Amino acid sequence: MGFFDFGRKEKVVDWSKKYNPEKENLHEENTSTEKEENMVDIPGSEDKRKKFAKRITDMTEKLEELSNQIYHLQQRIELIERKLNIGTKFE
């Protein structure tokens, strides 16, 4: 007697669908070769990659610029708070 299927020595076979290993292997090989051919045959895929890379670099530059602006605004606010004695800390 095995609790939680420990010590179970029977193998479970799924008969719900037909199984043909040769057919399955052929299908996998055909789909992988079709995918490789599709990737090569796409016209302008290199141009699309370059445009995408350019867009990403532009976005990162814009984000860096905006983060720098936010940092400078924070510095200005801290300076104004120090001059007006607004930012007093309770210690």
PDB file of N, CA and C in Angstrom:
ATOM      1  N   MET A   1       0.845  -1.169   0.000  1.00  0.00           N
ATOM      2  CA  MET A   1       0.000   0.000   0.000  1.00  0.00           C
ATOM      3  C   MET A   1       0.893   1.235   0.000  1.00  0.00           C
ATOM      4  N   GLY A   2       0.647   2.143  -0.921  1.00  0.00           N
ATOM      5  CA  GLY A   2       1.465   3.344  -0.986  1.00  0.00           C
ATOM      6  C   GLY A   2       0.635   4.588  -0.740  1.00  0.00           C
ATOM      7  N   PHE A   3       1.064   5.388   0.192  1.00  0.00           N
ATOM      8  CA  PHE A   3       0.394   6.646   0.441  1.00  0.00           C
ATOM      9  C   PHE A   3       0.918   7.690  -0.520  1.00  0.00           C
ATOM     10  N   PHE A   4       0.033   8.504  -1.034  1.00  0.00           N
ATOM     11  CA  PHE A   4       0.387   9.572  -1.962  1.00  0.00           C
ATOM     12  C   PHE A   4       1.174   9.046  -3.153  1.00  0.00           C
ATOM     13  N   ASP A   5       0.823   7.875  -3.595  1.00  0.00           N
ATOM     14  CA  ASP A   5       1.433   7.227  -4.757  1.00  0.00           C
ATOM     15  C   ASP A   5       2.908   6.902  -4.569  1.00  0.00           C
ATOM     16  N   PHE A   6       3.403   6.895  -3.328  1.00  0.00           N
ATOM     17  CA  PHE A   6       4.761   6.435  -3.100  1.00  0.00           C
ATOM     18  C   PHE A   6       4.741   4.917  -3.182  1.00  0.00           C
ATOM     19  N   GLY A   7       5.656   4.357  -3.856  1.00  0.00           N
ATOM     20  CA  GLY A   7       5.717   2.920  -3.972  1.00  0.00           C
ATOM     21  C   GLY A   7       4.806   2.371  -5.045  1.00  0.00           C
ATOM     22  N   ARG A   8       4.164   3.246  -5.787  1.00  0.00           N
ATOM     23  CA  ARG A   8       3.305   2.798  -6.866  1.00  0.00           C
ATOM     24  C   ARG A   8       4.181   2.354  -8.023  1.00  0.00           C
ATOM     25  N   LYS A   9       3.978   1.146  -8.490  1.00  0.00           N
ATOM     26  CA  LYS A   9       4.858   0.605  -9.503  1.00  0.00           C
ATOM     27  C   LYS A   9       4.184   0.484 -10.862  1.00  0.00           C
ATOM     28  N   GLU A  10       2.932   0.875 -10.956  1.00  0.00           N
ATOM     29  CA  GLU A  10       2.230   0.798 -12.224  1.00  0.00           C
ATOM     30  C   GLU A  10       2.565   2.028 -13.059  1.00  0.00           C
ATOM     31  N   LYS A  11       2.636   1.826 -14.358  1.00  0.00           N
ATOM     32  CA  LYS A  11       2.838   2.952 -15.251  1.00  0.00           C
ATOM     33  C   LYS A  11       1.484   3.379 -15.786  1.00  0.00           C
ATOM     34  N   VAL A  12       1.269   4.668 -15.877  1.00  0.00           N
ATOM     35  CA  VAL A  12       0.003   5.190 -16.369  1.00  0.00           C
ATOM     36  C   VAL A  12       0.160   5.497 -17.847  1.00  0.00           C
ATOM     37  N   VAL A  13      -0.763   4.983 -18.648  1.00  0.00           N
ATOM     38  CA  VAL A  13      -0.733   5.202 -20.086  1.00  0.00           C
ATOM     39  C   VAL A  13      -1.963   6.003 -20.458  1.00  0.00           C
ATOM     40  N   ASP A  14      -1.765   7.070 -21.214  1.00  0.00           N
ATOM     41  CA  ASP A  14      -2.861   7.916 -21.654  1.00  0.00           C
ATOM     42  C   ASP A  14      -3.333   7.424 -23.018  1.00  0.00           C
ATOM     43  N   TRP A  15      -4.543   6.839 -23.062  1.00  0.00           N
ATOM     44  CA  TRP A  15      -5.098   6.331 -24.316  1.00  0.00           C
ATOM     45  C   TRP A  15      -6.091   7.320 -24.910  1.00  0.00           C
ATOM     46  N   SER A  16      -6.163   8.532 -24.347  1.00  0.00           N
ATOM     47  CA  SER A  16      -7.158   9.484 -24.815  1.00  0.00           C
ATOM     48  C   SER A  16      -6.854  10.021 -26.208  1.00  0.00           C
ATOM     49  N   LYS A  17      -5.607  10.011 -26.614  1.00  0.00           N
ATOM     50  CA  LYS A  17      -5.272  10.473 -27.965  1.00  0.00           C
ATOM     51  C   LYS A  17      -4.284   9.494 -28.575  1.00  0.00           C
ATOM     52  N   LYS A  18      -4.304   9.456 -29.881  1.00  0.00           N
ATOM     53  CA  LYS A  18      -3.426   8.535 -30.585  1.00  0.00           C
ATOM     54  C   LYS A  18      -1.998   9.042 -30.501  1.00  0.00           C
ATOM     55  N   TYR A  19      -1.084   8.133 -30.363  1.00  0.00           N
ATOM     56  CA  TYR A  19       0.317   8.510 -30.233  1.00  0.00           C
ATOM     57  C   TYR A  19       1.121   7.798 -31.296  1.00  0.00           C
ATOM     58  N   ASN A  20       1.839   8.601 -32.088  1.00  0.00           N
ATOM     59  CA  ASN A  20       2.713   8.048 -33.108  1.00  0.00           C
ATOM     60  C   ASN A  20       4.013   8.843 -33.054  1.00  0.00           C
ATOM     61  N   PRO A  21       5.062   8.319 -32.414  1.00  0.00           N
ATOM     62  CA  PRO A  21       6.291   9.094 -32.236  1.00  0.00           C
ATOM     63  C   PRO A  21       6.945   9.490 -33.557  1.00  0.00           C
ATOM     64  N   GLU A  22       6.865   8.644 -34.567  1.00  0.00           N
ATOM     65  CA  GLU A  22       7.483   8.991 -35.847  1.00  0.00           C
ATOM     66  C   GLU A  22       6.771  10.176 -36.476  1.00  0.00           C
ATOM     67  N   LYS A  23       5.457  10.172 -36.439  1.00  0.00           N
ATOM     68  CA  LYS A  23       4.675  11.255 -37.017  1.00  0.00           C
ATOM     69  C   LYS A  23       4.927  12.559 -36.253  1.00  0.00           C
ATOM     70  N   GLU A  24       5.020  12.470 -34.930  1.00  0.00           N
ATOM     71  CA  GLU A  24       5.249  13.647 -34.103  1.00  0.00           C
ATOM     72  C   GLU A  24       6.621  14.256 -34.389  1.00  0.00           C
ATOM     73  N   ASN A  25       7.653  13.423 -34.526  1.00  0.00           N
ATOM     74  CA  ASN A  25       8.986  13.921 -34.826  1.00  0.00           C
ATOM     75  C   ASN A  25       9.028  14.595 -36.192  1.00  0.00           C
ATOM     76  N   LEU A  26       8.373  14.029 -37.182  1.00  0.00           N
ATOM     77  CA  LEU A  26       8.333  14.635 -38.510  1.00  0.00           C
ATOM     78  C   LEU A  26       7.635  15.980 -38.469  1.00  0.00           C
ATOM     79  N   HIS A  27       6.552  16.051 -37.713  1.00  0.00           N
ATOM     80  CA  HIS A  27       5.811  17.305 -37.609  1.00  0.00           C
ATOM     81  C   HIS A  27       6.666  18.393 -36.949  1.00  0.00           C
ATOM     82  N   GLU A  28       7.394  18.045 -35.889  1.00  0.00           N
ATOM     83  CA  GLU A  28       8.262  19.000 -35.208  1.00  0.00           C
ATOM     84  C   GLU A  28       9.373  19.484 -36.131  1.00  0.00           C
ATOM     85  N   GLU A  29       9.956  18.574 -36.906  1.00  0.00           N
ATOM     86  CA  GLU A  29      11.018  18.964 -37.825  1.00  0.00           C
ATOM     87  C   GLU A  29      10.489  19.882 -38.910  1.00  0.00           C
ATOM     88  N   ASN A  30       9.304  19.584 -39.439  1.00  0.00           N
ATOM     89  CA  ASN A  30       8.716  20.419 -40.486  1.00  0.00           C
ATOM     90  C   ASN A  30       8.407  21.815 -39.980  1.00  0.00           C
ATOM     91  N   THR A  31       7.855  21.926 -38.770  1.00  0.00           N
ATOM     92  CA  THR A  31       7.515  23.238 -38.245  1.00  0.00           C
ATOM     93  C   THR A  31       8.772  24.046 -37.947  1.00  0.00           C
ATOM     94  N   SER A  32       9.818  23.397 -37.457  1.00  0.00           N
ATOM     95  CA  SER A  32      11.039  24.151 -37.151  1.00  0.00           C
ATOM     96  C   SER A  32      11.699  24.647 -38.440  1.00  0.00           C
ATOM     97  N   THR A  33      11.711  23.840 -39.486  1.00  0.00           N
ATOM     98  CA  THR A  33      12.309  24.300 -40.745  1.00  0.00           C
ATOM     99  C   THR A  33      11.459  25.382 -41.381  1.00  0.00           C
ATOM    100  N   GLU A  34      10.137  25.299 -41.249  1.00  0.00           N
ATOM    101  CA  GLU A  34       9.275  26.341 -41.791  1.00  0.00           C
ATOM    102  C   GLU A  34       9.513  27.658 -41.070  1.00  0.00           C
ATOM    103  N   LYS A  35       9.693  27.621 -39.746  1.00  0.00           N
ATOM    104  CA  LYS A  35       9.954  28.841 -38.990  1.00  0.00           C
ATOM    105  C   LYS A  35      11.270  29.470 -39.418  1.00  0.00           C
ATOM    106  N   GLU A  36      12.301  28.644 -39.597  1.00  0.00           N
ATOM    107  CA  GLU A  36      13.596  29.171 -40.023  1.00  0.00           C
ATOM    108  C   GLU A  36      13.494  29.794 -41.400  1.00  0.00           C
ATOM    109  N   GLU A  37      12.760  29.153 -42.323  1.00  0.00           N
ATOM    110  CA  GLU A  37      12.599  29.703 -43.660  1.00  0.00           C
ATOM    111  C   GLU A  37      11.829  31.012 -43.621  1.00  0.00           C
ATOM    112  N   ASN A  38      10.803  31.087 -42.799  1.00  0.00           N
ATOM    113  CA  ASN A  38      10.015  32.307 -42.695  1.00  0.00           C
ATOM    114  C   ASN A  38      10.854  33.455 -42.158  1.00  0.00           C
ATOM    115  N   MET A  39      11.738  33.165 -41.222  1.00  0.00           N
ATOM    116  CA  MET A  39      12.572  34.222 -40.666  1.00  0.00           C
ATOM    117  C   MET A  39      13.546  34.763 -41.703  1.00  0.00           C
ATOM    118  N   VAL A  40      14.029  33.911 -42.573  1.00  0.00           N
ATOM    119  CA  VAL A  40      14.994  34.330 -43.581  1.00  0.00           C
ATOM    120  C   VAL A  40      14.301  35.058 -44.714  1.00  0.00           C
ATOM    121  N   ASP A  41      13.098  34.613 -45.095  1.00  0.00           N
ATOM    122  CA  ASP A  41      12.430  35.144 -46.269  1.00  0.00           C
ATOM    123  C   ASP A  41      11.713  36.467 -46.031  1.00  0.00           C
ATOM    124  N   ILE A  42      11.599  36.918 -44.819  1.00  0.00           N
ATOM    125  CA  ILE A  42      10.885  38.160 -44.562  1.00  0.00           C
ATOM    126  C   ILE A  42      11.695  39.324 -45.120  1.00  0.00           C
ATOM    127  N   PRO A  43      11.132  40.027 -46.094  1.00  0.00           N
ATOM    128  CA  PRO A  43      11.864  41.166 -46.654  1.00  0.00           C
ATOM    129  C   PRO A  43      11.825  42.352 -45.694  1.00  0.00           C
ATOM    130  N   GLY A  44      12.958  42.996 -45.537  1.00  0.00           N
ATOM    131  CA  GLY A  44      13.028  44.176 -44.690  1.00  0.00           C
ATOM    132  C   GLY A  44      13.082  43.885 -43.214  1.00  0.00           C
ATOM    133  N   SER A  45      13.336  42.653 -42.835  1.00  0.00           N
ATOM    134  CA  SER A  45      13.375  42.345 -41.409  1.00  0.00           C
ATOM    135  C   SER A  45      14.565  43.041 -40.741  1.00  0.00           C
ATOM    136  N   GLU A  46      15.655  43.168 -41.473  1.00  0.00           N
ATOM    137  CA  GLU A  46      16.826  43.871 -40.928  1.00  0.00           C
ATOM    138  C   GLU A  46      16.518  45.348 -40.723  1.00  0.00           C
ATOM    139  N   ASP A  47      15.790  45.943 -41.671  1.00  0.00           N
ATOM    140  CA  ASP A  47      15.397  47.344 -41.529  1.00  0.00           C
ATOM    141  C   ASP A  47      14.478  47.532 -40.327  1.00  0.00           C
ATOM    142  N   LYS A  48      13.555  46.595 -40.128  1.00  0.00           N
ATOM    143  CA  LYS A  48      12.649  46.688 -38.980  1.00  0.00           C
ATOM    144  C   LYS A  48      13.420  46.601 -37.679  1.00  0.00           C
ATOM    145  N   ARG A  49      14.418  45.719 -37.626  1.00  0.00           N
ATOM    146  CA  ARG A  49      15.241  45.597 -36.417  1.00  0.00           C
ATOM    147  C   ARG A  49      15.987  46.890 -36.137  1.00  0.00           C
ATOM    148  N   LYS A  50      16.545  47.490 -37.202  1.00  0.00           N
ATOM    149  CA  LYS A  50      17.282  48.742 -37.021  1.00  0.00           C
ATOM    150  C   LYS A  50      16.367  49.859 -36.542  1.00  0.00           C
ATOM    151  N   LYS A  51      15.164  49.947 -37.119  1.00  0.00           N
ATOM    152  CA  LYS A  51      14.220  50.979 -36.697  1.00  0.00           C
ATOM    153  C   LYS A  51      13.795  50.763 -35.248  1.00  0.00           C
ATOM    154  N   PHE A  52      13.587  49.504 -34.892  1.00  0.00           N
ATOM    155  CA  PHE A  52      13.198  49.189 -33.520  1.00  0.00           C
ATOM    156  C   PHE A  52      14.310  49.539 -32.536  1.00  0.00           C
ATOM    157  N   ALA A  53      15.539  49.208 -32.901  1.00  0.00           N
ATOM    158  CA  ALA A  53      16.683  49.539 -32.042  1.00  0.00           C
ATOM    159  C   ALA A  53      16.822  51.043 -31.902  1.00  0.00           C
ATOM    160  N   LYS A  54      16.603  51.766 -32.979  1.00  0.00           N
ATOM    161  CA  LYS A  54      16.684  53.240 -32.943  1.00  0.00           C
ATOM    162  C   LYS A  54      15.608  53.801 -32.024  1.00  0.00           C
ATOM    163  N   ARG A  55      14.395  53.257 -32.121  1.00  0.00           N
ATOM    164  CA  ARG A  55      13.312  53.736 -31.257  1.00  0.00           C
ATOM    165  C   ARG A  55      13.627  53.487 -29.792  1.00  0.00           C
ATOM    166  N   ILE A  56      14.176  52.325 -29.494  1.00  0.00           N
ATOM    167  CA  ILE A  56      14.504  52.003 -28.100  1.00  0.00           C
ATOM    168  C   ILE A  56      15.595  52.927 -27.578  1.00  0.00           C
ATOM    169  N   THR A  57      16.631  53.171 -28.383  1.00  0.00           N
ATOM    170  CA  THR A  57      17.689  54.074 -27.924  1.00  0.00           C
ATOM    171  C   THR A  57      17.152  55.483 -27.731  1.00  0.00           C
ATOM    172  N   ASP A  58      16.260  55.928 -28.625  1.00  0.00           N
ATOM    173  CA  ASP A  58      15.656  57.250 -28.455  1.00  0.00           C
ATOM    174  C   ASP A  58      14.838  57.323 -27.169  1.00  0.00           C
ATOM    175  N   MET A  59      14.105  56.251 -26.878  1.00  0.00           N
ATOM    176  CA  MET A  59      13.299  56.227 -25.653  1.00  0.00           C
ATOM    177  C   MET A  59      14.174  56.260 -24.410  1.00  0.00           C
ATOM    178  N   THR A  60      15.262  55.511 -24.414  1.00  0.00           N
ATOM    179  CA  THR A  60      16.140  55.495 -23.238  1.00  0.00           C
ATOM    180  C   THR A  60      16.805  56.855 -23.044  1.00  0.00           C
ATOM    181  N   GLU A  61      17.191  57.496 -24.142  1.00  0.00           N
ATOM    182  CA  GLU A  61      17.777  58.839 -24.026  1.00  0.00           C
ATOM    183  C   GLU A  61      16.766  59.822 -23.466  1.00  0.00           C
ATOM    184  N   LYS A  62      15.515  59.725 -23.920  1.00  0.00           N
ATOM    185  CA  LYS A  62      14.465  60.614 -23.427  1.00  0.00           C
ATOM    186  C   LYS A  62      14.220  60.371 -21.939  1.00  0.00           C
ATOM    187  N   LEU A  63      14.211  59.100 -21.522  1.00  0.00           N
ATOM    188  CA  LEU A  63      14.027  58.784 -20.109  1.00  0.00           C
ATOM    189  C   LEU A  63      15.168  59.322 -19.252  1.00  0.00           C
ATOM    190  N   GLU A  64      16.381  59.197 -19.743  1.00  0.00           N
ATOM    191  CA  GLU A  64      17.526  59.733 -19.002  1.00  0.00           C
ATOM    192  C   GLU A  64      17.430  61.250 -18.877  1.00  0.00           C
ATOM    193  N   GLU A  65      17.023  61.895 -19.940  1.00  0.00           N
ATOM    194  CA  GLU A  65      16.880  63.356 -19.914  1.00  0.00           C
ATOM    195  C   GLU A  65      15.810  63.774 -18.912  1.00  0.00           C
ATOM    196  N   LEU A  66      14.688  63.066 -18.916  1.00  0.00           N
ATOM    197  CA  LEU A  66      13.611  63.394 -17.982  1.00  0.00           C
ATOM    198  C   LEU A  66      14.016  63.120 -16.534  1.00  0.00           C
ATOM    199  N   SER A  67      14.756  62.048 -16.304  1.00  0.00           N
ATOM    200  CA  SER A  67      15.191  61.770 -14.929  1.00  0.00           C
ATOM    201  C   SER A  67      16.177  62.834 -14.460  1.00  0.00           C
ATOM    202  N   ASN A  68      17.020  63.328 -15.355  1.00  0.00           N
ATOM    203  CA  ASN A  68      17.931  64.423 -14.985  1.00  0.00           C
ATOM    204  C   ASN A  68      17.146  65.678 -14.644  1.00  0.00           C
ATOM    205  N   GLN A  69      16.100  65.980 -15.407  1.00  0.00           N
ATOM    206  CA  GLN A  69      15.284  67.157 -15.124  1.00  0.00           C
ATOM    207  C   GLN A  69      14.594  67.025 -13.768  1.00  0.00           C
ATOM    208  N   ILE A  70      14.106  65.846 -13.472  1.00  0.00           N
ATOM    209  CA  ILE A  70      13.460  65.620 -12.175  1.00  0.00           C
ATOM    210  C   ILE A  70      14.464  65.804 -11.041  1.00  0.00           C
ATOM    211  N   TYR A  71      15.670  65.301 -11.224  1.00  0.00           N
ATOM    212  CA  TYR A  71      16.701  65.447 -10.204  1.00  0.00           C
ATOM    213  C   TYR A  71      17.007  66.926  -9.955  1.00  0.00           C
ATOM    214  N   HIS A  72      17.153  67.696 -11.022  1.00  0.00           N
ATOM    215  CA  HIS A  72      17.444  69.124 -10.862  1.00  0.00           C
ATOM    216  C   HIS A  72      16.282  69.854 -10.185  1.00  0.00           C
ATOM    217  N   LEU A  73      15.046  69.469 -10.514  1.00  0.00           N
ATOM    218  CA  LEU A  73      13.906  70.095  -9.848  1.00  0.00           C
ATOM    219  C   LEU A  73      13.890  69.756  -8.359  1.00  0.00           C
ATOM    220  N   GLN A  74      14.225  68.536  -8.014  1.00  0.00           N
ATOM    221  CA  GLN A  74      14.293  68.161  -6.597  1.00  0.00           C
ATOM    222  C   GLN A  74      15.359  68.967  -5.877  1.00  0.00           C
ATOM    223  N   GLN A  75      16.488  69.163  -6.530  1.00  0.00           N
ATOM    224  CA  GLN A  75      17.554  69.964  -5.914  1.00  0.00           C
ATOM    225  C   GLN A  75      17.097  71.400  -5.695  1.00  0.00           C
ATOM    226  N   ARG A  76      16.389  71.956  -6.661  1.00  0.00           N
ATOM    227  CA  ARG A  76      15.890  73.329  -6.518  1.00  0.00           C
ATOM    228  C   ARG A  76      14.876  73.428  -5.381  1.00  0.00           C
ATOM    229  N   ILE A  77      13.990  72.459  -5.284  1.00  0.00           N
ATOM    230  CA  ILE A  77      12.979  72.468  -4.214  1.00  0.00           C
ATOM    231  C   ILE A  77      13.652  72.374  -2.847  1.00  0.00           C
ATOM    232  N   GLU A  78      14.659  71.523  -2.715  1.00  0.00           N
ATOM    233  CA  GLU A  78      15.369  71.417  -1.442  1.00  0.00           C
ATOM    234  C   GLU A  78      16.060  72.726  -1.081  1.00  0.00           C
ATOM    235  N   LEU A  79      16.620  73.395  -2.074  1.00  0.00           N
ATOM    236  CA  LEU A  79      17.271  74.683  -1.821  1.00  0.00           C
ATOM    237  C   LEU A  79      16.256  75.724  -1.350  1.00  0.00           C
ATOM    238  N   ILE A  80      15.103  75.758  -2.008  1.00  0.00           N
ATOM    239  CA  ILE A  80      14.067  76.710  -1.604  1.00  0.00           C
ATOM    240  C   ILE A  80      13.559  76.388  -0.205  1.00  0.00           C
ATOM    241  N   GLU A  81      13.395  75.107   0.101  1.00  0.00           N
ATOM    242  CA  GLU A  81      12.952  74.723   1.444  1.00  0.00           C
ATOM    243  C   GLU A  81      13.964  75.144   2.496  1.00  0.00           C
ATOM    244  N   ARG A  82      15.248  74.985   2.197  1.00  0.00           N
ATOM    245  CA  ARG A  82      16.268  75.402   3.166  1.00  0.00           C
ATOM    246  C   ARG A  82      16.237  76.913   3.378  1.00  0.00           C
ATOM    247  N   LYS A  83      16.029  77.668   2.303  1.00  0.00           N
ATOM    248  CA  LYS A  83      15.996  79.130   2.429  1.00  0.00           C
ATOM    249  C   LYS A  83      14.777  79.590   3.208  1.00  0.00           C
ATOM    250  N   LEU A  84      13.660  78.905   3.055  1.00  0.00           N
ATOM    251  CA  LEU A  84      12.432  79.315   3.743  1.00  0.00           C
ATOM    252  C   LEU A  84      12.245  78.590   5.074  1.00  0.00           C
ATOM    253  N   ASN A  85      13.155  77.710   5.421  1.00  0.00           N
ATOM    254  CA  ASN A  85      13.057  76.902   6.645  1.00  0.00           C
ATOM    255  C   ASN A  85      11.747  76.090   6.692  1.00  0.00           C
ATOM    256  N   ILE A  86      11.341  75.587   5.569  1.00  0.00           N
ATOM    257  CA  ILE A  86      10.119  74.783   5.502  1.00  0.00           C
ATOM    258  C   ILE A  86      10.434  73.337   5.838  1.00  0.00           C
ATOM    259  N   GLY A  87      11.473  72.825   5.302  1.00  0.00           N
ATOM    260  CA  GLY A  87      11.790  71.415   5.456  1.00  0.00           C
ATOM    261  C   GLY A  87      12.486  71.097   6.749  1.00  0.00           C
ATOM    262  N   THR A  88      11.860  71.424   7.883  1.00  0.00           N
ATOM    263  CA  THR A  88      12.471  71.106   9.181  1.00  0.00           C
ATOM    264  C   THR A  88      12.200  69.663   9.525  1.00  0.00           C
ATOM    265  N   LYS A  89      13.203  69.002  10.041  1.00  0.00           N
ATOM    266  CA  LYS A  89      13.074  67.606  10.415  1.00  0.00           C
ATOM    267  C   LYS A  89      12.847  67.513  11.908  1.00  0.00           C
ATOM    268  N   PHE A  90      12.008  66.572  12.296  1.00  0.00           N
ATOM    269  CA  PHE A  90      11.705  66.369  13.703  1.00  0.00           C
ATOM    270  C   PHE A  90      12.605  65.272  14.242  1.00  0.00           C
ATOM    271  N   GLU A  91      13.699  65.645  14.820  1.00  0.00           N
ATOM    272  CA  GLU A  91      14.635  64.669  15.377  1.00  0.00           C
ATOM    273  C   GLU A  91      14.812  64.866  16.843  1.00  0.00           C
TER     274      GLU A  91
END
